[in-house]
C-alpha atoms as a PDB file:
ATOM      1  CA  MET A   1       4.771   4.124 -25.968  1.00  0.00           C
ATOM      2  CA  TYR A   2       2.592   6.538 -27.907  1.00  0.00           C
ATOM      3  CA  PRO A   3       1.441  10.232 -27.009  1.00  0.00           C
ATOM      4  CA  VAL A   4      -1.793  10.815 -25.378  1.00  0.00           C
ATOM      5  CA  GLN A   5      -3.615  13.862 -24.084  1.00  0.00           C
ATOM      6  CA  ILE A   6      -5.173  13.052 -20.416  1.00  0.00           C
ATOM      7  CA  ARG A   7      -4.991  15.455 -17.680  1.00  0.00           C
ATOM      8  CA  PHE A   8      -4.345  14.072 -14.037  1.00  0.00           C
ATOM      9  CA  LEU A   9      -4.991  15.203 -10.536  1.00  0.00           C
ATOM     10  CA  HIS A  10      -2.572  17.720  -9.410  1.00  0.00           C
ATOM     11  CA  ASP A  11      -2.303  20.301  -6.496  1.00  0.00           C
ATOM     12  CA  GLY A  12      -3.663  22.922  -8.653  1.00  0.00           C
ATOM     13  CA  TYR A  13      -6.830  21.622  -8.987  1.00  0.00           C
ATOM     14  CA  ASP A  14      -9.806  22.677  -7.181  1.00  0.00           C
ATOM     15  CA  ASP A  15     -11.405  19.950  -5.275  1.00  0.00           C
ATOM     16  CA  ASN A  16     -14.417  21.879  -4.986  1.00  0.00           C
ATOM     17  CA  LYS A  17     -14.942  22.983  -8.678  1.00  0.00           C
ATOM     18  CA  VAL A  18     -13.742  19.690 -10.195  1.00  0.00           C
ATOM     19  CA  ASN A  19     -15.234  16.266  -9.870  1.00  0.00           C
ATOM     20  CA  LYS A  20     -12.701  13.304  -9.145  1.00  0.00           C
ATOM     21  CA  GLN A  21     -14.779  10.355 -10.471  1.00  0.00           C
ATOM     22  CA  GLN A  22     -15.762  12.321 -13.750  1.00  0.00           C
ATOM     23  CA  LYS A  23     -12.512  12.946 -14.330  1.00  0.00           C
ATOM     24  CA  PHE A  24     -11.056   9.442 -13.667  1.00  0.00           C
ATOM     25  CA  LYS A  25     -13.982   8.516 -16.281  1.00  0.00           C
ATOM     26  CA  ARG A  26     -13.019  10.843 -18.773  1.00  0.00           C
ATOM     27  CA  ASN A  27      -9.336   9.676 -18.717  1.00  0.00           C
ATOM     28  CA  ILE A  28     -10.892   6.092 -18.985  1.00  0.00           C
ATOM     29  CA  SER A  29     -12.752   6.774 -22.137  1.00  0.00           C
ATOM     30  CA  ILE A  30      -9.113   8.876 -23.567  1.00  0.00           C
ATOM     31  CA  LEU A  31      -7.298   5.841 -22.718  1.00  0.00           C
ATOM     32  CA  GLU A  32      -9.551   3.264 -24.315  1.00  0.00           C
ATOM     33  CA  LYS A  33     -10.009   4.747 -27.578  1.00  0.00           C
ATOM     34  CA  HIS A  34      -6.349   5.530 -27.568  1.00  0.00           C
ATOM     35  CA  ILE A  35      -5.737   1.782 -27.338  1.00  0.00           C
ATOM     36  CA  GLN A  36      -7.971   0.708 -29.770  1.00  0.00           C
ATOM     37  CA  GLN A  37      -5.338   2.804 -32.170  1.00  0.00           C
ATOM     38  CA  TYR A  38      -2.307   1.468 -30.483  1.00  0.00           C
ATOM     39  CA  PRO A  39      -3.170  -1.587 -28.475  1.00  0.00           C
ATOM     40  CA  ASP A  40       0.552  -2.284 -27.030  1.00  0.00           C
ATOM     41  CA  ASP A  41       1.049   1.255 -25.312  1.00  0.00           C
ATOM     42  CA  VAL A  42       1.905  -0.231 -22.256  1.00  0.00           C
ATOM     43  CA  LEU A  43       1.285   3.288 -20.327  1.00  0.00           C
ATOM     44  CA  SER A  44      -1.912   3.464 -21.542  1.00  0.00           C
ATOM     45  CA  HIS A  45      -3.136  -0.156 -19.898  1.00  0.00           C
ATOM     46  CA  SER A  46      -1.223   0.633 -16.866  1.00  0.00           C
ATOM     47  CA  PHE A  47      -3.012   3.756 -16.326  1.00  0.00           C
ATOM     48  CA  LEU A  48      -6.495   2.196 -17.397  1.00  0.00           C
ATOM     49  CA  GLY A  49      -5.867  -0.348 -14.757  1.00  0.00           C
ATOM     50  CA  ARG A  50      -4.810   2.286 -12.256  1.00  0.00           C
ATOM     51  CA  GLU A  51      -7.847   4.291 -12.974  1.00  0.00           C
ATOM     52  CA  HIS A  52     -10.552   1.247 -12.904  1.00  0.00           C
ATOM     53  CA  LEU A  53      -8.970   0.100  -9.262  1.00  0.00           C
ATOM     54  CA  ILE A  54      -9.582   3.853  -8.175  1.00  0.00           C
ATOM     55  CA  LEU A  55     -13.100   3.631  -9.676  1.00  0.00           C
ATOM     56  CA  GLY A  56     -13.619   0.042  -8.267  1.00  0.00           C
ATOM     57  CA  ASN A  57     -13.595  -1.770 -11.576  1.00  0.00           C
ATOM     58  CA  PRO A  58     -11.495  -4.688 -10.123  1.00  0.00           C
ATOM     59  CA  ASP A  59     -12.028  -6.831 -13.250  1.00  0.00           C
ATOM     60  CA  ALA A  60     -11.362  -4.350 -15.738  1.00  0.00           C
ATOM     61  CA  ALA A  61      -8.306  -2.905 -13.681  1.00  0.00           C
ATOM     62  CA  ILE A  62      -6.676  -6.692 -14.070  1.00  0.00           C
ATOM     63  CA  ARG A  63      -6.971  -6.623 -17.436  1.00  0.00           C
ATOM     64  CA  HIS A  64      -5.423  -3.886 -18.087  1.00  0.00           C
ATOM     65  CA  LEU A  65      -2.862  -4.695 -15.451  1.00  0.00           C
ATOM     66  CA  VAL A  66      -1.994  -7.914 -16.511  1.00  0.00           C
ATOM     67  CA  ARG A  67      -1.662  -6.929 -20.390  1.00  0.00           C
ATOM     68  CA  ALA A  68       0.761  -4.155 -19.016  1.00  0.00           C
ATOM     69  CA  ARG A  69       2.523  -7.050 -17.118  1.00  0.00           C
ATOM     70  CA  GLU A  70       2.899  -8.782 -20.168  1.00  0.00           C
ATOM     71  CA  LEU A  71       4.283  -6.035 -22.082  1.00  0.00           C
ATOM     72  CA  LEU A  72       6.796  -4.489 -19.486  1.00  0.00           C
ATOM     73  CA  THR A  73       8.094  -8.394 -18.866  1.00  0.00           C
ATOM     74  CA  ALA A  74      10.579  -8.406 -22.144  1.00  0.00           C
ATOM     75  CA  SER A  75      11.805  -4.522 -20.968  1.00  0.00           C
ATOM     76  CA  LYS A  76      14.267  -3.607 -18.376  1.00  0.00           C
ATOM     77  CA  ASN A  77      11.997  -1.137 -16.754  1.00  0.00           C
ATOM     78  CA  SER A  78      12.029  -2.735 -13.527  1.00  0.00           C
ATOM     79  CA  ILE A  79      10.484   0.164 -11.317  1.00  0.00           C
ATOM     80  CA  ALA A  80       7.421   0.452 -13.912  1.00  0.00           C
ATOM     81  CA  LEU A  81       6.863  -3.619 -13.818  1.00  0.00           C
ATOM     82  CA  ALA A  82       7.071  -3.400  -9.867  1.00  0.00           C
ATOM     83  CA  GLU A  83       4.500  -0.755  -9.879  1.00  0.00           C
ATOM     84  CA  VAL A  84       2.001  -2.224 -12.288  1.00  0.00           C
ATOM     85  CA  GLU A  85       2.162  -5.418 -10.170  1.00  0.00           C
ATOM     86  CA  ARG A  86       1.602  -3.342  -6.882  1.00  0.00           C
ATOM     87  CA  ASN A  87      -1.595  -2.253  -8.469  1.00  0.00           C
ATOM     88  CA  LEU A  88      -2.187  -5.644  -9.715  1.00  0.00           C
ATOM     89  CA  VAL A  89      -2.124  -6.915  -6.145  1.00  0.00           C
ATOM     90  CA  TRP A  90      -4.318  -4.372  -4.718  1.00  0.00           C
ATOM     91  CA  ALA A  91      -6.976  -5.618  -7.993  1.00  0.00           C
ATOM     92  CA  LEU A  92      -6.809  -8.894  -6.867  1.00  0.00           C
ATOM     93  CA  ASP A  93      -7.423  -8.066  -3.449  1.00  0.00           C
ATOM     94  CA  SER A  94     -10.247  -5.796  -4.296  1.00  0.00           C
ATOM     95  CA  LYS A  95     -12.262  -8.555  -6.394  1.00  0.00           C
ATOM     96  CA  GLY A  96     -11.684 -10.825  -3.558  1.00  0.00           C
ATOM     97  CA  ASP A  97      -9.023 -13.461  -4.781  1.00  0.00           C
ATOM     98  CA  VAL A  98      -6.475 -12.903  -1.792  1.00  0.00           C
ATOM     99  CA  ALA A  99      -4.939 -16.201  -2.096  1.00  0.00           C
ATOM    100  CA  GLN A 100      -3.271 -14.853  -5.585  1.00  0.00           C
ATOM    101  CA  ALA A 101      -2.906 -11.368  -4.448  1.00  0.00           C
ATOM    102  CA  GLU A 102      -0.629 -12.466  -1.761  1.00  0.00           C
ATOM    103  CA  SER A 103       1.181 -14.790  -3.919  1.00  0.00           C
ATOM    104  CA  LEU A 104       1.694 -11.775  -6.208  1.00  0.00           C
ATOM    105  CA  ALA A 105       3.050 -10.269  -3.024  1.00  0.00           C
ATOM    106  CA  PHE A 106       5.197 -12.318  -2.351  1.00  0.00           C
ATOM    107  CA  GLY A 107       6.784 -12.632  -5.588  1.00  0.00           C
ATOM    108  CA  LEU A 108       7.157  -9.014  -5.725  1.00  0.00           C
ATOM    109  CA  THR A 109       9.586  -9.354  -2.675  1.00  0.00           C
ATOM    110  CA  GLN A 110      11.472 -11.778  -4.487  1.00  0.00           C
ATOM    111  CA  ARG A 111      11.800 -10.155  -8.043  1.00  0.00           C
ATOM    112  CA  PHE A 112      12.233  -6.997  -6.781  1.00  0.00           C
ATOM    113  CA  PRO A 113      14.261  -7.153  -3.476  1.00  0.00           C
ATOM    114  CA  ASP A 114      14.819  -3.155  -3.246  1.00  0.00           C
ATOM    115  CA  TYR A 115      11.316  -2.270  -3.511  1.00  0.00           C
ATOM    116  CA  VAL A 116       9.685  -1.092  -0.381  1.00  0.00           C
ATOM    117  CA  ASP A 117       5.837  -1.604  -1.261  1.00  0.00           C
ATOM    118  CA  GLY A 118       6.346  -5.235  -2.096  1.00  0.00           C
ATOM    119  CA  TRP A 119       7.696  -5.944   1.469  1.00  0.00           C
ATOM    120  CA  TYR A 120       5.445  -3.773   3.123  1.00  0.00           C
ATOM    121  CA  MET A 121       2.032  -5.605   1.437  1.00  0.00           C
ATOM    122  CA  TYR A 122       3.308  -9.113   1.594  1.00  0.00           C
ATOM    123  CA  GLY A 123       3.614  -8.219   5.548  1.00  0.00           C
ATOM    124  CA  MET A 124       0.491  -6.921   5.455  1.00  0.00           C
ATOM    125  CA  TYR A 125      -1.062 -10.251   4.170  1.00  0.00           C
ATOM    126  CA  GLN A 126       1.014 -11.979   6.643  1.00  0.00           C
ATOM    127  CA  LEU A 127      -0.540  -9.685   9.730  1.00  0.00           C
ATOM    128  CA  ARG A 128      -4.056 -10.832   8.767  1.00  0.00           C
ATOM    129  CA  LYS A 129      -2.765 -14.324   9.565  1.00  0.00           C
ATOM    130  CA  VAL A 130      -2.360 -13.725  13.511  1.00  0.00           C
ATOM    131  CA  VAL A 131      -0.779 -17.073  13.843  1.00  0.00           C
ATOM    132  CA  SER A 132       1.848 -15.526  11.184  1.00  0.00           C
ATOM    133  CA  LEU A 133       2.725 -12.167  13.497  1.00  0.00           C
ATOM    134  CA  GLN A 134       6.470 -12.875  13.527  1.00  0.00           C
ATOM    135  CA  SER A 135       6.230 -13.372  10.131  1.00  0.00           C
ATOM    136  CA  ALA A 136       4.418 -10.081   9.434  1.00  0.00           C
ATOM    137  CA  ILE A 137       7.124  -8.074  12.111  1.00  0.00           C
ATOM    138  CA  GLN A 138       9.990  -9.094   9.915  1.00  0.00           C
ATOM    139  CA  HIS A 139       8.701  -8.457   6.313  1.00  0.00           C
ATOM    140  CA  ILE A 140       7.174  -4.908   7.404  1.00  0.00           C
ATOM    141  CA  ALA A 141      10.562  -4.417   9.562  1.00  0.00           C
ATOM    142  CA  LYS A 142      12.182  -5.279   5.913  1.00  0.00           C
ATOM    143  CA  SER A 143      10.160  -2.244   3.888  1.00  0.00           C
ATOM    144  CA  LEU A 144      11.067   0.351   6.895  1.00  0.00           C
ATOM    145  CA  GLU A 145      14.907  -0.537   6.775  1.00  0.00           C
ATOM    146  CA  LEU A 146      14.570  -0.441   2.936  1.00  0.00           C
ATOM    147  CA  SER A 147      12.975   3.232   3.126  1.00  0.00           C
ATOM    148  CA  SER A 148      15.242   4.420   5.549  1.00  0.00           C
ATOM    149  CA  LYS A 149      18.123   3.341   3.058  1.00  0.00           C
ATOM    150  CA  GLY A 150      16.397   5.379   0.610  1.00  0.00           C
ATOM    151  CA  LYS A 151      15.037   2.588  -1.617  1.00  0.00           C
ATOM    152  CA  TYR A 152      12.567   3.494  -3.943  1.00  0.00           C
ATOM    153  CA  ALA A 153       8.561   3.485  -2.923  1.00  0.00           C
ATOM    154  CA  THR A 154       5.728   4.104  -4.901  1.00  0.00           C
ATOM    155  CA  ASP A 155       3.853   5.062  -1.330  1.00  0.00           C
ATOM    156  CA  PRO A 156       6.571   7.094   0.726  1.00  0.00           C
ATOM    157  CA  ALA A 157       4.096   6.759   3.631  1.00  0.00           C
ATOM    158  CA  ILE A 158       5.208   3.660   4.150  1.00  0.00           C
ATOM    159  CA  GLY A 159       8.524   4.811   5.254  1.00  0.00           C
ATOM    160  CA  GLU A 160       7.057   7.942   7.088  1.00  0.00           C
ATOM    161  CA  TYR A 161       4.649   6.266   9.505  1.00  0.00           C
ATOM    162  CA  LYS A 162       2.567   3.296   7.917  1.00  0.00           C
ATOM    163  CA  ALA A 163       5.445   0.602   8.399  1.00  0.00           C
ATOM    164  CA  MET A 164       5.616   1.704  11.908  1.00  0.00           C
ATOM    165  CA  LEU A 165       2.561   2.195  12.410  1.00  0.00           C
ATOM    166  CA  HIS A 166       1.815  -1.903  11.599  1.00  0.00           C
ATOM    167  CA  LEU A 167       5.204  -2.880  13.684  1.00  0.00           C
ATOM    168  CA  ALA A 168       3.328  -0.951  16.663  1.00  0.00           C
ATOM    169  CA  ASP A 169       0.387  -2.729  16.184  1.00  0.00           C
ATOM    170  CA  GLU A 170       1.951  -6.476  15.784  1.00  0.00           C
ATOM    171  CA  HIS A 171       4.167  -5.424  18.750  1.00  0.00           C
ATOM    172  CA  ARG A 172       1.217  -4.706  20.887  1.00  0.00           C
ATOM    173  CA  LEU A 173      -0.848  -7.765  19.596  1.00  0.00           C
ATOM    174  CA  SER A 174       2.422 -10.330  20.762  1.00  0.00           C
ATOM    175  CA  GLY A 175       2.327  -8.606  24.298  1.00  0.00           C
ATOM    176  CA  ILE A 176       5.431  -6.598  23.800  1.00  0.00           C
ATOM    177  CA  TRP A 177       3.622  -3.076  24.897  1.00  0.00           C
ATOM    178  CA  ILE A 178       7.068  -1.319  26.050  1.00  0.00           C
ATOM    179  CA  GLU A 179       8.438  -1.700  22.256  1.00  0.00           C
ATOM    180  CA  ALA A 180       4.704  -0.789  21.251  1.00  0.00           C
ATOM    181  CA  ARG A 181       4.153   2.072  23.100  1.00  0.00           C
ATOM    182  CA  LYS A 182       7.687   3.515  21.951  1.00  0.00           C
ATOM    183  CA  LEU A 183       6.554   2.815  18.422  1.00  0.00           C
ATOM    184  CA  TYR A 184       3.026   4.202  18.285  1.00  0.00           C
ATOM    185  CA  ALA A 185       5.004   7.796  20.143  1.00  0.00           C
ATOM    186  CA  GLU A 186       6.818   7.780  16.997  1.00  0.00           C
ATOM    187  CA  VAL A 187       4.273   7.287  14.978  1.00  0.00           C
ATOM    188  CA  LEU A 188       2.667  10.459  16.563  1.00  0.00           C
ATOM    189  CA  ARG A 189       5.913  12.235  16.644  1.00  0.00           C
ATOM    190  CA  ARG A 190       6.367  11.923  12.895  1.00  0.00           C
ATOM    191  CA  ALA A 191       2.435  12.311  11.919  1.00  0.00           C
ATOM    192  CA  PRO A 192       1.193  14.379  15.516  1.00  0.00           C
ATOM    193  CA  GLU A 193      -2.675  14.408  13.879  1.00  0.00           C
ATOM    194  CA  TYR A 194      -2.592  10.379  12.957  1.00  0.00           C
ATOM    195  CA  ALA A 195      -6.020   9.240  14.476  1.00  0.00           C
ATOM    196  CA  PRO A 196      -5.430   5.583  14.400  1.00  0.00           C
ATOM    197  CA  ALA A 197      -2.062   6.000  16.729  1.00  0.00           C
ATOM    198  CA  LYS A 198      -3.793   8.560  19.003  1.00  0.00           C
ATOM    199  CA  ASN A 199      -6.493   6.024  19.760  1.00  0.00           C
ATOM    200  CA  VAL A 200      -4.553   3.084  20.255  1.00  0.00           C
ATOM    201  CA  LEU A 201      -2.021   4.973  22.589  1.00  0.00           C
ATOM    202  CA  ALA A 202      -4.821   6.310  24.332  1.00  0.00           C
ATOM    203  CA  GLN A 203      -6.419   2.792  25.205  1.00  0.00           C
ATOM    204  CA  MET A 204      -3.258   1.442  26.147  1.00  0.00           C
ATOM    205  CA  ASP A 205      -2.516   4.123  28.505  1.00  0.00           C
ATOM    206  CA  LYS A 206      -5.976   3.653  30.028  1.00  0.00           C
ATOM    207  CA  GLN A 207      -5.401  -0.234  30.299  1.00  0.00           C
ATOM    208  CA  VAL A 208      -2.037   0.576  32.053  1.00  0.00           C
ATOM    209  CA  LEU A 209      -3.332   2.706  34.370  1.00  0.00           C
ATOM    210  CA  GLU A 210      -6.066   0.420  35.286  1.00  0.00           C
ATOM    211  CA  ILE A 211      -3.571  -2.636  35.956  1.00  0.00           C
ATOM    212  CA  ALA A 212      -0.965  -0.561  37.776  1.00  0.00           C
ATOM    213  CA  LYS A 213      -4.480   0.700  40.122  1.00  0.00           C
ATOM    214  CA  GLU A 214      -5.673  -3.194  40.583  1.00  0.00           C
ATOM    215  CA  ILE A 215      -1.911  -3.844  41.693  1.00  0.00           C
ATOM    216  CA  ARG A 216      -1.691  -1.104  44.113  1.00  0.00           C
ATOM    217  CA  GLY A 217      -5.390  -2.568  45.227  1.00  0.00           C
ATOM    218  CA  ASN A 218      -3.604  -5.853  45.789  1.00  0.00           C
ATOM    219  CA  LEU A 219      -0.845  -4.942  47.641  1.00  0.00           C
END
């Protein structure tokens, strides 16, 4: 691990004055020069993978993340390895290699069974397959369960509302509307201004009222 001076975004920056894209490009330029001197610096490869992913350069992101994973595999830093593989999943997905991304996401659940993001990501791939709704419910519920126990998550929003929102989606698509509505309401309790949950809940309530009206008309 070798020192390199780069400045990442933090709350002290004024978004109106700082061009984020230029900042990421600057970081990449500094890190690329650094790894020319220290080609086995795992943190630099990890950060380069992340920065390229943010800028929409999946090929470059994959190249650096794969190298970071190789360097970390022999180490005992399981959290760092899990985070690198997490970003690699998104990079592969961004490139369109969905099958490999899904396979790696599943691998995360096996290699790091307490890592919230792994279960969430694999559950999201299952959610894409309508025939696998029940499997999606189980995997995303697992991420919520682990989060409630305080297990590690790179994305804290998974435990705060993301996993619950997708569980609500899955219950709604499965026809379990009462449970789905409870989950959407809980999402809004935790994130009152979250538009996707608001919109779906409003649509559900509208449909329920229309069904009730139709039933009353047939009595």
